[in-house]
């Protein structure tokens, strides 16, 4: 996650302020409006939104801890074998975390956008790149009428996507009061795969094939992904 943020910054894309990194849980500085998460992880496991000492929300379960002592005891009981990081919590308003904007990116092409609002459940709204709601995705998942997105977030996603030597990347942002901030890069978003409608699944599959061909041509032309390889291991 830290490397993702450094990569984004090199492309002049905003990221939340990283406050602590690779620290043990006992050394976390508990201050208002921070996100506490493992340094390595996926699917929002063991990620917490720390609004204040009496309002600590677990993202995965939406459980609210009413005290620091209760929160610390729960984490210690889980015996999580990982280091932790904290970053500034991006807000939608004074008491609500920003919505997630997850952009399904195919080497510069936008396939779909998923907005998530986390309250008692993770509510979803799917869009195409024009900002039109995908009615085909109004099925069994918790749904809400989304707040939409600006072209700026698509430009950020395209810029990142074209600088990554891969045909697909889901690029996750927070939609804050003062703009969009990169959350993380997700190459394998398996959680949502069973939820795609056949229409969306077909569309994204076609985009993947086209992106793979486009990337292959660029590699044959000896395109160099300098910014990417400054931050990521070249032995993939």
Foldseek 3Di string as FASTA:
>chain_A
DVLQQVLLVVVVFAAFAWDFAQAAPVPDDQDAAKWKDFNDDDPQPPIWGHHDQQFIARQNQRDTHGGPVVVVVVVVVVVDPTGMIMTGFFPADSPAGFWKWKFKAFLLDTQKIWTWGGHNHTAIWIDGPVQHTDPLLPDDGHYDDDPTDDVVVSVSVNVVSNLDLARIWIWMWGQHPVGIHTDGIHPCPPPCVVRDDPVSVVSSVVSSVVSNVVSVVCVVVVDDSVSVVVRDDPPD
